[in-house]
Amino acid sequence: MKTSLLCVSNISCGYGARMVIQDISFSLEAGEVLCLLGPNGVGKTTLFKTILGFLQPSQGKIYIEGENIVKWNRNKLAKAVAYVPQSHQPVFPFTVMEIVLMGRTAHLGTLSTPTKKDYDRAREVMEQLDILWLKDKTYTKISGGQQQMVLIARALIQEAKILIMDEPTSSLDYGNQIKVLEKIKSLSSGGFSVIMTSHSPNHAFLCASKVALLKRNSCFVVGEVEDVIIEASLKETYGIDVKIASVNDKSGGRIKGCIPVFS
């Protein structure tokens, strides 16, 4: 039997006696993108913290390539799972190159510094993301869309197989949102597996292999995008009426999208 890259099995987790997520299960294969949708406060961030090892589940197990991660140290987990936050504002005015090289921390010794090989790898990744020209710029002085690409580059040189992205298009203008979504789709084509949160069901139609809905009643539904993102489930999740429409794309296929229905 084939072993999934990531398997979350019957996870429940919370803070103290308060359970935030309960009995959640899903799997992720190599090259898949799972888009996690749901209203604020239902536990999406808590689920991420659990997979990243910052919270221990009160029940259930998490496996990476069939191995329970409960006893993994931080370095071993960092070599398997990389995290891309919504935003990152460092205290010091680091250059873009310095921010990207932070992704090599798990591969360096305690007092080690990046080697020429690390710098070469950073340049290679930045070139793939079309941001090599930013390498000497001050990170805090570049645009939000550029910062997001830098954070993705930092995650990629971590050389983890699984990327966890917390609202990767948050606060970006429409053009930069699409650029980031296109990059996520191309990363999956390159063998990376991605779990991303979003507040837009349309993002799942654009780049996800499958989708999960986390609802306020702790109900968790996961499956193929077109099976899960339907008008009834969106009404139940968000409390609004939505119509799902489709249009032709350039290749003659169909692209679906969600359109809110005002009262």
Protein backbone atom coordinates (compact mmCIF):
# COMPACT_ATOMS: atom_id res chain seq x y z
CA MET A 1 0.00 0.00 0.00
CA LYS A 2 1.30 3.45 -0.95
CA THR A 3 2.24 5.70 1.99
CA SER A 4 0.98 9.28 1.85
CA LEU A 5 3.53 12.08 2.14
CA LEU A 6 1.46 13.60 4.97
CA CYS A 7 -1.28 11.86 6.91
CA VAL A 8 -3.27 13.68 9.61
CA SER A 9 -5.23 11.05 11.50
CA ASN A 10 -8.11 11.90 13.86
CA ILE A 11 -6.44 15.03 15.24
CA SER A 12 -8.02 17.01 18.06
CA CYS A 13 -6.22 20.02 19.48
CA GLY A 14 -6.77 23.21 21.41
CA TYR A 15 -5.56 25.35 24.27
CA GLY A 16 -5.91 23.88 27.74
CA ALA A 17 -9.36 22.34 28.14
CA ARG A 18 -10.76 24.23 25.13
CA MET A 19 -10.74 22.09 22.01
CA VAL A 20 -10.55 24.13 18.81
CA ILE A 21 -10.34 21.36 16.23
CA GLN A 22 -11.76 17.89 16.71
CA ASP A 23 -11.32 14.58 14.92
CA ILE A 24 -9.77 15.93 11.72
CA SER A 25 -8.27 13.55 9.16
CA PHE A 26 -6.81 14.07 5.70
CA SER A 27 -3.84 13.05 3.60
CA LEU A 28 -1.57 14.87 1.16
CA GLU A 29 0.34 13.27 -1.68
CA ALA A 30 3.46 14.54 -3.43
CA GLY A 31 2.60 17.37 -5.82
CA GLU A 32 -0.84 18.08 -4.37
CA VAL A 33 -2.20 21.45 -3.23
CA LEU A 34 -4.78 21.39 -0.43
CA CYS A 35 -6.69 24.65 0.02
CA LEU A 36 -8.12 25.05 3.52
CA LEU A 37 -11.21 27.27 3.66
CA GLY A 38 -13.38 28.43 6.53
CA PRO A 39 -14.48 31.53 8.45
CA ASN A 40 -12.27 33.24 11.01
CA GLY A 41 -11.91 31.53 14.37
CA VAL A 42 -12.66 27.93 13.32
CA GLY A 43 -9.13 26.61 13.91
CA LYS A 44 -7.20 26.88 10.65
CA THR A 45 -4.19 28.42 12.39
CA THR A 46 -4.45 25.89 15.22
CA LEU A 47 -4.30 23.07 12.70
CA PHE A 48 -1.19 24.61 11.14
CA LYS A 49 0.49 24.98 14.55
CA THR A 50 -0.20 21.31 15.23
CA ILE A 51 1.30 20.11 11.94
CA LEU A 52 4.31 22.38 12.52
CA GLY A 53 4.85 20.88 15.97
CA PHE A 54 4.12 24.02 18.01
CA LEU A 55 1.05 22.38 19.57
CA GLN A 56 0.72 18.77 20.62
CA PRO A 57 -2.61 17.12 19.72
CA SER A 58 -4.76 15.88 22.58
CA GLN A 59 -5.62 12.91 20.39
CA GLY A 60 -4.67 11.56 16.99
CA LYS A 61 -1.38 11.32 15.12
CA ILE A 62 0.47 13.05 12.30
CA TYR A 63 2.62 10.99 9.96
CA ILE A 64 5.14 12.12 7.36
CA GLU A 65 6.03 9.36 4.91
CA GLY A 66 4.57 6.87 7.37
CA GLU A 67 6.57 8.05 10.40
CA ASN A 68 4.87 9.52 13.48
CA ILE A 69 6.35 12.99 14.00
CA VAL A 70 5.58 13.15 17.74
CA LYS A 71 9.21 12.53 18.73
CA TRP A 72 10.86 14.46 15.91
CA ASN A 73 13.14 17.32 16.95
CA ARG A 74 12.77 20.81 15.47
CA ASN A 75 15.52 20.32 12.89
CA LYS A 76 14.13 17.07 11.54
CA LEU A 77 10.64 18.56 11.23
CA ALA A 78 12.01 21.72 9.58
CA LYS A 79 13.66 19.58 6.91
CA ALA A 80 10.26 18.06 6.08
CA VAL A 81 7.84 20.99 6.54
CA ALA A 82 8.41 24.66 5.71
CA TYR A 83 6.15 27.53 6.74
CA VAL A 84 5.26 30.65 4.74
CA PRO A 85 3.49 33.20 6.99
CA GLN A 86 1.05 35.89 5.87
CA SER A 87 3.70 38.53 6.42
CA HIS A 88 7.02 38.98 8.18
CA GLN A 89 8.41 42.23 9.57
CA PRO A 90 11.92 41.64 10.97
CA VAL A 91 13.31 43.93 13.66
CA PHE A 92 16.50 44.59 11.71
CA PRO A 93 16.75 45.84 8.11
CA PHE A 94 17.91 42.55 6.61
CA THR A 95 18.60 42.28 2.91
CA VAL A 96 16.49 39.97 0.78
CA MET A 97 19.45 37.59 0.49
CA GLU A 98 19.78 37.44 4.28
CA ILE A 99 16.06 36.69 4.70
CA VAL A 100 16.20 33.89 2.11
CA LEU A 101 19.32 32.36 3.71
CA MET A 102 17.44 32.05 7.01
CA GLY A 103 15.77 29.05 5.38
CA ARG A 104 19.08 27.16 5.63
CA THR A 105 19.08 27.28 9.45
CA ALA A 106 17.93 23.67 9.84
CA HIS A 107 20.86 22.50 7.72
CA LEU A 108 23.57 24.48 9.56
CA GLY A 109 25.34 23.75 12.81
CA THR A 110 24.74 25.86 15.90
CA LEU A 111 27.61 28.27 15.23
CA SER A 112 27.86 27.72 11.48
CA THR A 113 27.41 30.37 8.82
CA PRO A 114 26.04 29.90 5.29
CA THR A 115 28.51 28.45 2.83
CA LYS A 116 29.08 29.30 -0.83
CA LYS A 117 26.80 26.35 -1.66
CA ASP A 118 24.04 27.94 0.45
CA TYR A 119 24.45 31.28 -1.33
CA ASP A 120 24.42 29.55 -4.72
CA ARG A 121 21.24 27.69 -3.80
CA ALA A 122 19.62 30.94 -2.62
CA ARG A 123 20.45 32.64 -5.92
CA GLU A 124 19.09 29.65 -7.84
CA VAL A 125 15.77 29.72 -5.98
CA MET A 126 15.42 33.49 -6.29
CA GLU A 127 16.08 33.24 -10.00
CA GLN A 128 13.33 30.62 -10.31
CA LEU A 129 10.94 33.05 -8.60
CA ASP A 130 12.13 36.03 -10.71
CA ILE A 131 13.35 37.95 -7.66
CA LEU A 132 17.13 37.58 -7.96
CA TRP A 133 17.34 41.27 -8.83
CA LEU A 134 16.06 42.02 -5.32
CA LYS A 135 18.86 40.17 -3.50
CA ASP A 136 20.63 43.32 -2.18
CA LYS A 137 17.45 45.29 -1.49
CA THR A 138 16.28 45.93 2.09
CA TYR A 139 13.43 43.49 2.74
CA THR A 140 11.27 46.01 4.62
CA LYS A 141 11.41 48.44 1.68
CA ILE A 142 10.11 46.18 -1.07
CA SER A 143 6.43 45.68 -1.98
CA GLY A 144 4.07 43.22 -0.31
CA GLY A 145 3.98 40.97 -3.37
CA GLN A 146 7.78 40.92 -3.52
CA GLN A 147 7.99 40.15 0.20
CA GLN A 148 5.67 37.18 -0.28
CA MET A 149 7.90 35.79 -3.04
CA VAL A 150 10.92 36.24 -0.74
CA LEU A 151 9.18 34.24 2.01
CA ILE A 152 8.41 31.49 -0.51
CA ALA A 153 12.09 31.50 -1.55
CA ARG A 154 13.10 31.20 2.12
CA ALA A 155 10.83 28.16 2.46
CA LEU A 156 12.12 26.54 -0.74
CA ILE A 157 15.79 26.57 0.26
CA GLN A 158 14.74 24.84 3.46
CA GLU A 159 14.41 21.85 1.09
CA ALA A 160 11.24 20.60 2.77
CA LYS A 161 8.80 18.50 0.76
CA ILE A 162 5.73 20.09 2.37
CA LEU A 163 4.98 23.83 2.29
CA ILE A 164 2.42 25.31 4.67
CA MET A 165 1.19 28.73 3.56
CA ASP A 166 -0.98 30.88 5.81
CA GLU A 167 -3.10 33.09 3.53
CA PRO A 168 -0.27 33.62 1.01
CA THR A 169 -2.27 36.26 -0.91
CA SER A 170 -3.33 38.26 2.14
CA SER A 171 -3.07 42.05 1.63
CA LEU A 172 -1.84 41.65 -1.96
CA ASP A 173 -3.37 43.47 -4.89
CA TYR A 174 -5.22 41.40 -7.48
CA GLY A 175 -2.27 41.10 -9.86
CA ASN A 176 0.12 39.91 -7.16
CA GLN A 177 -2.49 37.47 -5.84
CA ILE A 178 -2.64 35.78 -9.25
CA LYS A 179 1.16 35.72 -9.55
CA VAL A 180 1.47 34.00 -6.17
CA LEU A 181 -1.27 31.48 -7.04
CA GLU A 182 0.46 30.73 -10.35
CA LYS A 183 3.71 30.13 -8.48
CA ILE A 184 1.97 27.79 -6.01
CA LYS A 185 0.58 25.79 -8.92
CA SER A 186 4.00 25.58 -10.57
CA LEU A 187 5.58 24.47 -7.28
CA SER A 188 3.15 21.56 -7.10
CA SER A 189 4.10 20.64 -10.67
CA GLY A 190 7.70 20.53 -9.44
CA GLY A 191 6.85 17.98 -6.77
CA PHE A 192 6.23 20.20 -3.75
CA SER A 193 3.10 19.56 -1.69
CA VAL A 194 1.28 22.64 -0.41
CA ILE A 195 -1.32 23.28 2.28
CA MET A 196 -2.64 26.83 2.03
CA THR A 197 -5.38 28.78 3.75
CA SER A 198 -7.48 31.30 1.90
CA HIS A 199 -10.59 33.39 2.37
CA SER A 200 -11.50 33.01 -1.31
CA PRO A 201 -13.04 29.76 -2.61
CA ASN A 202 -11.99 30.92 -6.07
CA HIS A 203 -8.36 30.30 -5.12
CA ALA A 204 -9.13 26.61 -4.73
CA PHE A 205 -10.58 26.49 -8.25
CA LEU A 206 -7.45 28.19 -9.60
CA CYS A 207 -4.64 26.15 -8.05
CA ALA A 208 -5.79 23.39 -5.67
CA SER A 209 -5.86 19.63 -6.18
CA LYS A 210 -8.34 19.27 -3.34
CA VAL A 211 -10.02 21.42 -0.74
CA ALA A 212 -11.06 21.23 2.89
CA LEU A 213 -13.87 23.17 4.55
CA LEU A 214 -13.57 23.78 8.28
CA LYS A 215 -16.89 24.99 9.66
CA ARG A 216 -17.94 26.62 12.93
CA ASN A 217 -19.58 23.45 14.23
CA SER A 218 -16.18 21.68 14.03
CA CYS A 219 -17.42 19.86 10.93
CA PHE A 220 -14.54 19.11 8.57
CA VAL A 221 -15.09 18.15 4.93
CA VAL A 222 -12.28 17.31 2.53
CA GLY A 223 -12.33 16.12 -1.06
CA GLU A 224 -12.01 17.06 -4.71
CA VAL A 225 -12.50 20.77 -5.35
CA GLU A 226 -15.61 20.45 -7.50
CA ASP A 227 -17.19 18.01 -5.04
CA VAL A 228 -16.65 20.17 -1.95
CA ILE A 229 -17.06 23.73 -3.25
CA ILE A 230 -20.73 23.68 -4.06
CA GLU A 231 -23.38 26.30 -3.40
CA ALA A 232 -24.96 24.45 -0.47
CA SER A 233 -21.65 23.88 1.36
CA LEU A 234 -20.58 27.50 0.95
CA LYS A 235 -23.94 28.67 2.28
CA GLU A 236 -23.50 26.41 5.32
CA THR A 237 -19.89 27.51 5.89
CA TYR A 238 -20.13 31.26 5.37
CA GLY A 239 -23.86 31.96 5.79
CA ILE A 240 -24.24 33.64 2.39
CA ASP A 241 -25.84 32.72 -0.90
CA VAL A 242 -23.34 31.95 -3.66
CA LYS A 243 -23.69 30.92 -7.29
CA ILE A 244 -20.99 28.89 -9.00
CA ALA A 245 -20.42 29.79 -12.64
CA SER A 246 -17.89 28.68 -15.24
CA VAL A 247 -16.23 30.21 -18.29
CA ASN A 248 -13.95 28.93 -21.03
CA ASP A 249 -10.21 29.30 -20.61
CA LYS A 250 -7.64 29.81 -23.38
CA SER A 251 -7.16 26.07 -23.89
CA GLY A 252 -10.88 25.39 -24.28
CA GLY A 253 -11.34 24.04 -20.76
CA ARG A 254 -13.66 25.42 -18.13
CA ILE A 255 -12.75 27.61 -15.16
CA LYS A 256 -15.19 27.79 -12.26
CA GLY A 257 -15.71 30.70 -9.90
CA CYS A 258 -17.95 31.78 -7.03
CA ILE A 259 -20.25 34.79 -7.33
CA PRO A 260 -22.00 36.15 -4.19
CA VAL A 261 -25.73 36.71 -4.46
CA PHE A 262 -26.81 39.91 -2.70
CA SER A 263 -30.14 39.93 -0.90
